[in-house]
PDB file of all heavy atoms in Angstrom:
ATOM      1  N   ALA A   1       0.807  -1.220   0.000  1.00  0.00           N
ATOM      2  CA  ALA A   1       0.002   0.001   0.012  1.00  0.00           C
ATOM      3  C   ALA A   1       0.839   1.264   0.013  1.00  0.00           C
ATOM      4  O   ALA A   1       0.330   2.354  -0.231  1.00  0.00           O
ATOM      5  CB  ALA A   1      -0.920   0.001   1.207  1.00  0.00           C
ATOM      6  N   SER A   2       2.130   1.136   0.235  1.00  0.00           N
ATOM      7  CA  SER A   2       3.007   2.299   0.325  1.00  0.00           C
ATOM      8  C   SER A   2       3.100   3.033  -1.026  1.00  0.00           C
ATOM      9  O   SER A   2       3.126   2.419  -2.082  1.00  0.00           O
ATOM     10  CB  SER A   2       4.420   1.839   0.749  1.00  0.00           C
ATOM     11  OG  SER A   2       5.307   2.943   0.696  1.00  0.00           O
ATOM     12  N   THR A   3       3.154   4.347  -0.933  1.00  0.00           N
ATOM     13  CA  THR A   3       3.382   5.174  -2.156  1.00  0.00           C
ATOM     14  C   THR A   3       4.869   5.453  -2.341  1.00  0.00           C
ATOM     15  O   THR A   3       5.232   6.222  -3.225  1.00  0.00           O
ATOM     16  CB  THR A   3       2.608   6.484  -2.040  1.00  0.00           C
ATOM     17  OG1 THR A   3       3.026   7.194  -0.860  1.00  0.00           O
ATOM     18  CG2 THR A   3       1.109   6.246  -1.974  1.00  0.00           C
ATOM     19  N   ALA A   4       5.703   4.853  -1.495  1.00  0.00           N
ATOM     20  CA  ALA A   4       7.147   4.950  -1.708  1.00  0.00           C
ATOM     21  C   ALA A   4       7.614   3.776  -2.550  1.00  0.00           C
ATOM     22  O   ALA A   4       6.936   2.763  -2.708  1.00  0.00           O
ATOM     23  CB  ALA A   4       7.857   4.929  -0.352  1.00  0.00           C
ATOM     24  N   ALA A   5       8.808   3.926  -3.143  1.00  0.00           N
ATOM     25  CA  ALA A   5       9.381   2.822  -3.938  1.00  0.00           C
ATOM     26  C   ALA A   5       9.626   1.638  -3.033  1.00  0.00           C
ATOM     27  O   ALA A   5      10.129   1.777  -1.926  1.00  0.00           O
ATOM     28  CB  ALA A   5      10.680   3.286  -4.579  1.00  0.00           C
ATOM     29  N   THR A   6       9.224   0.436  -3.492  1.00  0.00           N
ATOM     30  CA  THR A   6       9.514  -0.790  -2.773  1.00  0.00           C
ATOM     31  C   THR A   6      10.337  -1.780  -3.589  1.00  0.00           C
ATOM     32  O   THR A   6      11.079  -2.574  -3.042  1.00  0.00           O
ATOM     33  CB  THR A   6       8.212  -1.490  -2.339  1.00  0.00           C
ATOM     34  OG1 THR A   6       7.456  -1.871  -3.493  1.00  0.00           O
ATOM     35  CG2 THR A   6       7.378  -0.570  -1.442  1.00  0.00           C
ATOM     36  N   LEU A   7      10.198  -1.726  -4.914  1.00  0.00           N
ATOM     37  CA  LEU A   7      10.898  -2.665  -5.780  1.00  0.00           C
ATOM     38  C   LEU A   7      12.335  -2.250  -6.072  1.00  0.00           C
ATOM     39  O   LEU A   7      13.028  -2.959  -6.836  1.00  0.00           O
ATOM     40  CB  LEU A   7      10.090  -2.858  -7.067  1.00  0.00           C
ATOM     41  CG  LEU A   7       8.669  -3.332  -6.892  1.00  0.00           C
ATOM     42  CD1 LEU A   7       7.954  -3.451  -8.212  1.00  0.00           C
ATOM     43  CD2 LEU A   7       8.621  -4.672  -6.141  1.00  0.00           C
ATOM     44  N   ASN A   8      12.759  -1.132  -5.566  1.00  0.00           N
ATOM     45  CA  ASN A   8      14.178  -0.747  -5.732  1.00  0.00           C
ATOM     46  C   ASN A   8      15.100  -1.474  -4.765  1.00  0.00           C
ATOM     47  O   ASN A   8      16.307  -1.315  -4.834  1.00  0.00           O
ATOM     48  CB  ASN A   8      14.325   0.783  -5.580  1.00  0.00           C
ATOM     49  CG  ASN A   8      13.876   1.293  -4.218  1.00  0.00           C
ATOM     50  OD1 ASN A   8      13.156   0.613  -3.499  1.00  0.00           O
ATOM     51  ND2 ASN A   8      14.296   2.489  -3.863  1.00  0.00           N
ATOM     52  N   THR A   9      14.510  -2.275  -3.867  1.00  0.00           N
ATOM     53  CA  THR A   9      15.269  -3.090  -2.966  1.00  0.00           C
ATOM     54  C   THR A   9      15.357  -4.506  -3.537  1.00  0.00           C
ATOM     55  O   THR A   9      14.322  -5.148  -3.798  1.00  0.00           O
ATOM     56  CB  THR A   9      14.637  -3.135  -1.563  1.00  0.00           C
ATOM     57  OG1 THR A   9      14.540  -1.827  -1.046  1.00  0.00           O
ATOM     58  CG2 THR A   9      15.400  -4.024  -0.615  1.00  0.00           C
ATOM     59  N   SER A  10      16.583  -5.021  -3.738  1.00  0.00           N
ATOM     60  CA  SER A  10      16.770  -6.301  -4.415  1.00  0.00           C
ATOM     61  C   SER A  10      16.017  -7.441  -3.771  1.00  0.00           C
ATOM     62  O   SER A  10      15.483  -8.338  -4.449  1.00  0.00           O
ATOM     63  CB  SER A  10      18.260  -6.635  -4.495  1.00  0.00           C
ATOM     64  OG  SER A  10      18.939  -5.704  -5.287  1.00  0.00           O
ATOM     65  N   GLY A  11      15.905  -7.450  -2.440  1.00  0.00           N
ATOM     66  CA  GLY A  11      15.213  -8.526  -1.752  1.00  0.00           C
ATOM     67  C   GLY A  11      13.730  -8.528  -1.949  1.00  0.00           C
ATOM     68  O   GLY A  11      13.047  -9.510  -1.564  1.00  0.00           O
ATOM     69  N   ASN A  12      13.172  -7.472  -2.540  1.00  0.00           N
ATOM     70  CA  ASN A  12      11.715  -7.376  -2.733  1.00  0.00           C
ATOM     71  C   ASN A  12      11.247  -7.807  -4.119  1.00  0.00           C
ATOM     72  O   ASN A  12      10.044  -7.809  -4.360  1.00  0.00           O
ATOM     73  CB  ASN A  12      11.262  -5.926  -2.492  1.00  0.00           C
ATOM     74  CG  ASN A  12      11.365  -5.527  -1.048  1.00  0.00           C
ATOM     75  OD1 ASN A  12      11.502  -6.365  -0.150  1.00  0.00           O
ATOM     76  ND2 ASN A  12      11.311  -4.235  -0.802  1.00  0.00           N
ATOM     77  N   ILE A  13      12.173  -8.157  -5.011  1.00  0.00           N
ATOM     78  CA  ILE A  13      11.751  -8.517  -6.365  1.00  0.00           C
ATOM     79  C   ILE A  13      11.975  -9.994  -6.616  1.00  0.00           C
ATOM     80  O   ILE A  13      12.879 -10.610  -6.082  1.00  0.00           O
ATOM     81  CB  ILE A  13      12.487  -7.687  -7.423  1.00  0.00           C
ATOM     82  CG1 ILE A  13      14.005  -7.843  -7.324  1.00  0.00           C
ATOM     83  CG2 ILE A  13      12.104  -6.206  -7.325  1.00  0.00           C
ATOM     84  CD1 ILE A  13      14.758  -7.171  -8.441  1.00  0.00           C
ATOM     85  N   PHE A  14      11.108 -10.550  -7.457  1.00  0.00           N
ATOM     86  CA  PHE A  14      11.135 -11.990  -7.755  1.00  0.00           C
ATOM     87  C   PHE A  14      11.863 -12.314  -9.058  1.00  0.00           C
ATOM     88  O   PHE A  14      12.154 -13.476  -9.346  1.00  0.00           O
ATOM     89  CB  PHE A  14       9.713 -12.539  -7.810  1.00  0.00           C
ATOM     90  CG  PHE A  14       8.899 -12.245  -6.575  1.00  0.00           C
ATOM     91  CD1 PHE A  14       7.521 -12.128  -6.663  1.00  0.00           C
ATOM     92  CD2 PHE A  14       9.496 -12.091  -5.337  1.00  0.00           C
ATOM     93  CE1 PHE A  14       6.767 -11.852  -5.517  1.00  0.00           C
ATOM     94  CE2 PHE A  14       8.757 -11.833  -4.199  1.00  0.00           C
ATOM     95  CZ  PHE A  14       7.368 -11.721  -4.299  1.00  0.00           C
ATOM     96  N   LEU A  15      12.086 -11.292  -9.855  1.00  0.00           N
ATOM     97  CA  LEU A  15      12.793 -11.450 -11.140  1.00  0.00           C
ATOM     98  C   LEU A  15      13.290 -10.047 -11.496  1.00  0.00           C
ATOM     99  O   LEU A  15      12.901  -9.059 -10.910  1.00  0.00           O
ATOM    100  CB  LEU A  15      11.863 -11.969 -12.244  1.00  0.00           C
ATOM    101  CG  LEU A  15      10.597 -11.171 -12.544  1.00  0.00           C
ATOM    102  CD1 LEU A  15      10.833 -10.155 -13.686  1.00  0.00           C
ATOM    103  CD2 LEU A  15       9.439 -12.088 -12.854  1.00  0.00           C
ATOM    104  N   GLU A  16      14.178  -9.984 -12.496  1.00  0.00           N
ATOM    105  CA  GLU A  16      14.831  -8.706 -12.799  1.00  0.00           C
ATOM    106  C   GLU A  16      14.968  -8.504 -14.304  1.00  0.00           C
ATOM    107  O   GLU A  16      15.527  -9.346 -14.995  1.00  0.00           O
ATOM    108  CB  GLU A  16      16.208  -8.706 -12.143  1.00  0.00           C
ATOM    109  CG  GLU A  16      16.937  -7.402 -12.196  1.00  0.00           C
ATOM    110  CD  GLU A  16      18.207  -7.446 -11.334  1.00  0.00           C
ATOM    111  OE1 GLU A  16      18.307  -8.317 -10.433  1.00  0.00           O
ATOM    112  OE2 GLU A  16      19.094  -6.599 -11.593  1.00  0.00           O
ATOM    113  N   LEU A  17      14.431  -7.390 -14.791  1.00  0.00           N
ATOM    114  CA  LEU A  17      14.628  -6.973 -16.179  1.00  0.00           C
ATOM    115  C   LEU A  17      15.385  -5.669 -16.159  1.00  0.00           C
ATOM    116  O   LEU A  17      14.941  -4.685 -15.585  1.00  0.00           O
ATOM    117  CB  LEU A  17      13.266  -6.730 -16.894  1.00  0.00           C
ATOM    118  CG  LEU A  17      12.220  -7.867 -16.810  1.00  0.00           C
ATOM    119  CD1 LEU A  17      11.002  -7.532 -17.637  1.00  0.00           C
ATOM    120  CD2 LEU A  17      12.819  -9.214 -17.285  1.00  0.00           C
ATOM    121  N   ARG A  18      16.568  -5.673 -16.785  1.00  0.00           N
ATOM    122  CA  ARG A  18      17.436  -4.493 -16.747  1.00  0.00           C
ATOM    123  C   ARG A  18      17.388  -3.757 -18.078  1.00  0.00           C
ATOM    124  O   ARG A  18      17.655  -4.351 -19.135  1.00  0.00           O
ATOM    125  CB  ARG A  18      18.880  -4.881 -16.444  1.00  0.00           C
ATOM    126  CG  ARG A  18      19.066  -5.487 -15.060  1.00  0.00           C
ATOM    127  CD  ARG A  18      20.528  -5.852 -14.829  1.00  0.00           C
ATOM    128  NE  ARG A  18      20.719  -6.427 -13.500  1.00  0.00           N
ATOM    129  CZ  ARG A  18      21.903  -6.899 -13.060  1.00  0.00           C
ATOM    130  NH1 ARG A  18      22.982  -6.791 -13.823  1.00  0.00           N
ATOM    131  NH2 ARG A  18      22.007  -7.428 -11.851  1.00  0.00           N
ATOM    132  N   PHE A  19      17.081  -2.478 -18.036  1.00  0.00           N
ATOM    133  CA  PHE A  19      17.027  -1.628 -19.216  1.00  0.00           C
ATOM    134  C   PHE A  19      18.293  -0.753 -19.183  1.00  0.00           C
ATOM    135  O   PHE A  19      18.371   0.238 -18.461  1.00  0.00           O
ATOM    136  CB  PHE A  19      15.764  -0.796 -19.239  1.00  0.00           C
ATOM    137  CG  PHE A  19      14.522  -1.630 -19.391  1.00  0.00           C
ATOM    138  CD1 PHE A  19      13.914  -2.213 -18.284  1.00  0.00           C
ATOM    139  CD2 PHE A  19      13.961  -1.858 -20.644  1.00  0.00           C
ATOM    140  CE1 PHE A  19      12.775  -3.002 -18.415  1.00  0.00           C
ATOM    141  CE2 PHE A  19      12.834  -2.670 -20.798  1.00  0.00           C
ATOM    142  CZ  PHE A  19      12.248  -3.249 -19.680  1.00  0.00           C
ATOM    143  N   GLY A  20      19.313  -1.185 -19.970  1.00  0.00           N
ATOM    144  CA  GLY A  20      20.625  -0.630 -19.851  1.00  0.00           C
ATOM    145  C   GLY A  20      20.816   0.740 -20.460  1.00  0.00           C
ATOM    146  O   GLY A  20      20.224   1.085 -21.474  1.00  0.00           O
ATOM    147  N   SER A  21      21.690   1.524 -19.826  1.00  0.00           N
ATOM    148  CA  SER A  21      22.074   2.818 -20.386  1.00  0.00           C
ATOM    149  C   SER A  21      22.738   2.694 -21.747  1.00  0.00           C
ATOM    150  O   SER A  21      22.698   3.625 -22.533  1.00  0.00           O
ATOM    151  CB  SER A  21      23.002   3.520 -19.388  1.00  0.00           C
ATOM    152  OG  SER A  21      24.163   2.736 -19.155  1.00  0.00           O
ATOM    153  N   ASP A  22      23.341   1.543 -21.996  1.00  0.00           N
ATOM    154  CA  ASP A  22      24.013   1.280 -23.291  1.00  0.00           C
ATOM    155  C   ASP A  22      23.148   0.525 -24.279  1.00  0.00           C
ATOM    156  O   ASP A  22      23.655   0.011 -25.257  1.00  0.00           O
ATOM    157  CB  ASP A  22      25.327   0.544 -23.052  1.00  0.00           C
ATOM    158  CG  ASP A  22      25.130  -0.694 -22.180  1.00  0.00           C
ATOM    159  OD1 ASP A  22      23.981  -1.046 -21.845  1.00  0.00           O
ATOM    160  OD2 ASP A  22      26.141  -1.348 -21.843  1.00  0.00           O
ATOM    161  N   GLY A  23      21.851   0.444 -23.998  1.00  0.00           N
ATOM    162  CA  GLY A  23      20.944  -0.240 -24.909  1.00  0.00           C
ATOM    163  C   GLY A  23      20.964  -1.750 -24.825  1.00  0.00           C
ATOM    164  O   GLY A  23      20.501  -2.447 -25.715  1.00  0.00           O
ATOM    165  N   VAL A  24      21.460  -2.296 -23.720  1.00  0.00           N
ATOM    166  CA  VAL A  24      21.448  -3.743 -23.507  1.00  0.00           C
ATOM    167  C   VAL A  24      20.296  -4.081 -22.593  1.00  0.00           C
ATOM    168  O   VAL A  24      20.198  -3.564 -21.481  1.00  0.00           O
ATOM    169  CB  VAL A  24      22.758  -4.249 -22.907  1.00  0.00           C
ATOM    170  CG1 VAL A  24      22.664  -5.735 -22.574  1.00  0.00           C
ATOM    171  CG2 VAL A  24      23.915  -4.013 -23.867  1.00  0.00           C
ATOM    172  N   PHE A  25      19.390  -4.920 -23.081  1.00  0.00           N
ATOM    173  CA  PHE A  25      18.256  -5.415 -22.287  1.00  0.00           C
ATOM    174  C   PHE A  25      18.680  -6.769 -21.702  1.00  0.00           C
ATOM    175  O   PHE A  25      19.015  -7.688 -22.451  1.00  0.00           O
ATOM    176  CB  PHE A  25      17.029  -5.533 -23.170  1.00  0.00           C
ATOM    177  CG  PHE A  25      15.875  -6.253 -22.497  1.00  0.00           C
ATOM    178  CD1 PHE A  25      15.168  -5.659 -21.478  1.00  0.00           C
ATOM    179  CD2 PHE A  25      15.516  -7.527 -22.889  1.00  0.00           C
ATOM    180  CE1 PHE A  25      14.116  -6.299 -20.838  1.00  0.00           C
ATOM    181  CE2 PHE A  25      14.467  -8.189 -22.268  1.00  0.00           C
ATOM    182  CZ  PHE A  25      13.769  -7.576 -21.256  1.00  0.00           C
ATOM    183  N   ARG A  26      18.625  -6.873 -20.397  1.00  0.00           N
ATOM    184  CA  ARG A  26      19.103  -8.102 -19.751  1.00  0.00           C
ATOM    185  C   ARG A  26      18.005  -8.680 -18.813  1.00  0.00           C
ATOM    186  O   ARG A  26      17.390  -7.948 -18.041  1.00  0.00           O
ATOM    187  CB  ARG A  26      20.352  -7.852 -18.927  1.00  0.00           C
ATOM    188  CG  ARG A  26      20.996  -9.116 -18.294  1.00  0.00           C
ATOM    189  CD  ARG A  26      22.340  -8.804 -17.666  1.00  0.00           C
ATOM    190  NE  ARG A  26      23.292  -8.317 -18.647  1.00  0.00           N
ATOM    191  CZ  ARG A  26      24.027  -9.079 -19.471  1.00  0.00           C
ATOM    192  NH1 ARG A  26      23.887 -10.406 -19.389  1.00  0.00           N
ATOM    193  NH2 ARG A  26      24.862  -8.543 -20.300  1.00  0.00           N
ATOM    194  N   VAL A  27      17.799  -9.995 -18.904  1.00  0.00           N
ATOM    195  CA  VAL A  27      16.845 -10.720 -18.062  1.00  0.00           C
ATOM    196  C   VAL A  27      17.630 -11.522 -17.058  1.00  0.00           C
ATOM    197  O   VAL A  27      18.491 -12.306 -17.437  1.00  0.00           O
ATOM    198  CB  VAL A  27      15.951 -11.649 -18.902  1.00  0.00           C
ATOM    199  CG1 VAL A  27      14.981 -12.397 -18.007  1.00  0.00           C
ATOM    200  CG2 VAL A  27      15.199 -10.848 -19.981  1.00  0.00           C
ATOM    201  N   VAL A  28      17.332 -11.346 -15.765  1.00  0.00           N
ATOM    202  CA  VAL A  28      18.102 -12.004 -14.709  1.00  0.00           C
ATOM    203  C   VAL A  28      17.140 -12.847 -13.845  1.00  0.00           C
ATOM    204  O   VAL A  28      16.113 -12.385 -13.397  1.00  0.00           O
ATOM    205  CB  VAL A  28      18.793 -10.976 -13.798  1.00  0.00           C
ATOM    206  CG1 VAL A  28      19.656 -11.684 -12.745  1.00  0.00           C
ATOM    207  CG2 VAL A  28      19.672 -10.020 -14.632  1.00  0.00           C
ATOM    208  N   GLY A  29      17.528 -14.124 -13.680  1.00  0.00           N
ATOM    209  CA  GLY A  29      16.742 -15.035 -12.842  1.00  0.00           C
ATOM    210  C   GLY A  29      17.659 -15.770 -11.866  1.00  0.00           C
ATOM    211  O   GLY A  29      18.803 -15.377 -11.646  1.00  0.00           O
ATOM    212  N   SER A  30      17.155 -16.842 -11.307  1.00  0.00           N
ATOM    213  CA  SER A  30      17.892 -17.564 -10.269  1.00  0.00           C
ATOM    214  C   SER A  30      19.129 -18.268 -10.800  1.00  0.00           C
ATOM    215  O   SER A  30      20.083 -18.489 -10.039  1.00  0.00           O
ATOM    216  CB  SER A  30      16.974 -18.589  -9.579  1.00  0.00           C
ATOM    217  OG  SER A  30      16.541 -19.565 -10.542  1.00  0.00           O
ATOM    218  N   ALA A  31      19.128 -18.628 -12.075  1.00  0.00           N
ATOM    219  CA  ALA A  31      20.250 -19.404 -12.615  1.00  0.00           C
ATOM    220  C   ALA A  31      21.197 -18.606 -13.501  1.00  0.00           C
ATOM    221  O   ALA A  31      22.207 -19.163 -13.958  1.00  0.00           O
ATOM    222  CB  ALA A  31      19.684 -20.591 -13.436  1.00  0.00           C
ATOM    223  N   GLY A  32      20.928 -17.353 -13.744  1.00  0.00           N
ATOM    224  CA  GLY A  32      21.816 -16.552 -14.574  1.00  0.00           C
ATOM    225  C   GLY A  32      21.073 -15.474 -15.341  1.00  0.00           C
ATOM    226  O   GLY A  32      20.041 -14.995 -14.886  1.00  0.00           O
ATOM    227  N   SER A  33      21.597 -15.101 -16.497  1.00  0.00           N
ATOM    228  CA  SER A  33      20.977 -14.005 -17.260  1.00  0.00           C
ATOM    229  C   SER A  33      21.157 -14.207 -18.765  1.00  0.00           C
ATOM    230  O   SER A  33      22.017 -14.981 -19.200  1.00  0.00           O
ATOM    231  CB  SER A  33      21.579 -12.674 -16.851  1.00  0.00           C
ATOM    232  OG  SER A  33      22.956 -12.596 -17.210  1.00  0.00           O
ATOM    233  N   SER A  34      20.331 -13.507 -19.519  1.00  0.00           N
ATOM    234  CA  SER A  34      20.425 -13.457 -20.988  1.00  0.00           C
ATOM    235  C   SER A  34      20.187 -12.023 -21.398  1.00  0.00           C
ATOM    236  O   SER A  34      19.477 -11.268 -20.727  1.00  0.00           O
ATOM    237  CB  SER A  34      19.402 -14.364 -21.649  1.00  0.00           C
ATOM    238  OG  SER A  34      19.573 -15.708 -21.269  1.00  0.00           O
ATOM    239  N   SER A  35      20.761 -11.618 -22.543  1.00  0.00           N
ATOM    240  CA  SER A  35      20.626 -10.254 -22.950  1.00  0.00           C
ATOM    241  C   SER A  35      20.364 -10.105 -24.467  1.00  0.00           C
ATOM    242  O   SER A  35      20.644 -11.025 -25.243  1.00  0.00           O
ATOM    243  CB  SER A  35      21.901  -9.441 -22.597  1.00  0.00           C
ATOM    244  OG  SER A  35      23.017  -9.957 -23.295  1.00  0.00           O
ATOM    245  N   GLU A  36      19.817  -8.950 -24.806  1.00  0.00           N
ATOM    246  CA  GLU A  36      19.565  -8.576 -26.180  1.00  0.00           C
ATOM    247  C   GLU A  36      19.998  -7.125 -26.385  1.00  0.00           C
ATOM    248  O   GLU A  36      19.788  -6.300 -25.491  1.00  0.00           O
ATOM    249  CB  GLU A  36      18.086  -8.697 -26.547  1.00  0.00           C
ATOM    250  CG  GLU A  36      17.523 -10.105 -26.499  1.00  0.00           C
ATOM    251  CD  GLU A  36      17.971 -10.966 -27.665  1.00  0.00           C
ATOM    252  OE1 GLU A  36      18.383 -10.375 -28.708  1.00  0.00           O
ATOM    253  OE2 GLU A  36      17.897 -12.208 -27.547  1.00  0.00           O
ATOM    254  N   SER A  37      20.590  -6.825 -27.524  1.00  0.00           N
ATOM    255  CA  SER A  37      20.993  -5.436 -27.839  1.00  0.00           C
ATOM    256  C   SER A  37      19.841  -4.748 -28.506  1.00  0.00           C
ATOM    257  O   SER A  37      19.210  -5.289 -29.428  1.00  0.00           O
ATOM    258  CB  SER A  37      22.219  -5.423 -28.734  1.00  0.00           C
ATOM    259  OG  SER A  37      23.339  -5.961 -28.040  1.00  0.00           O
ATOM    260  N   LEU A  38      19.549  -3.524 -28.065  1.00  0.00           N
ATOM    261  CA  LEU A  38      18.400  -2.751 -28.581  1.00  0.00           C
ATOM    262  C   LEU A  38      18.915  -1.712 -29.587  1.00  0.00           C
ATOM    263  O   LEU A  38      20.081  -1.342 -29.618  1.00  0.00           O
ATOM    264  CB  LEU A  38      17.717  -2.029 -27.435  1.00  0.00           C
ATOM    265  CG  LEU A  38      17.246  -2.902 -26.259  1.00  0.00           C
ATOM    266  CD1 LEU A  38      16.693  -2.044 -25.153  1.00  0.00           C
ATOM    267  CD2 LEU A  38      16.232  -3.941 -26.726  1.00  0.00           C
ATOM    268  N   THR A  39      17.970  -1.253 -30.433  1.00  0.00           N
ATOM    269  CA  THR A  39      18.228  -0.197 -31.382  1.00  0.00           C
ATOM    270  C   THR A  39      17.558   1.088 -30.921  1.00  0.00           C
ATOM    271  O   THR A  39      16.369   1.067 -30.519  1.00  0.00           O
ATOM    272  CB  THR A  39      17.697  -0.576 -32.772  1.00  0.00           C
ATOM    273  OG1 THR A  39      18.353  -1.775 -33.228  1.00  0.00           O
ATOM    274  CG2 THR A  39      17.923   0.536 -33.780  1.00  0.00           C
ATOM    275  N   VAL A  40      18.288   2.179 -30.903  1.00  0.00           N
ATOM    276  CA  VAL A  40      17.730   3.451 -30.458  1.00  0.00           C
ATOM    277  C   VAL A  40      16.493   3.830 -31.266  1.00  0.00           C
ATOM    278  O   VAL A  40      16.487   3.750 -32.497  1.00  0.00           O
ATOM    279  CB  VAL A  40      18.770   4.585 -30.571  1.00  0.00           C
ATOM    280  CG1 VAL A  40      18.131   5.946 -30.313  1.00  0.00           C
ATOM    281  CG2 VAL A  40      19.923   4.389 -29.597  1.00  0.00           C
ATOM    282  N   GLY A  41      15.416   4.186 -30.552  1.00  0.00           N
ATOM    283  CA  GLY A  41      14.204   4.649 -31.219  1.00  0.00           C
ATOM    284  C   GLY A  41      13.251   3.571 -31.679  1.00  0.00           C
ATOM    285  O   GLY A  41      12.146   3.874 -32.113  1.00  0.00           O
TER     286      GLY A  41
END
C-alpha cells in the first residue's frame, strides 16, 4: 500500500529486467541471465 518505492530493494523482487544505459536489455533469474541489444528509437 506504500506510495514509496519498494521494488528498488533487491530482496523485494522476484525477477529482474534491466534496461541498460548502453541499450542492452538483460533478463536475470535464479540461474543466470540473458541479454539482447536494442536499437535506439
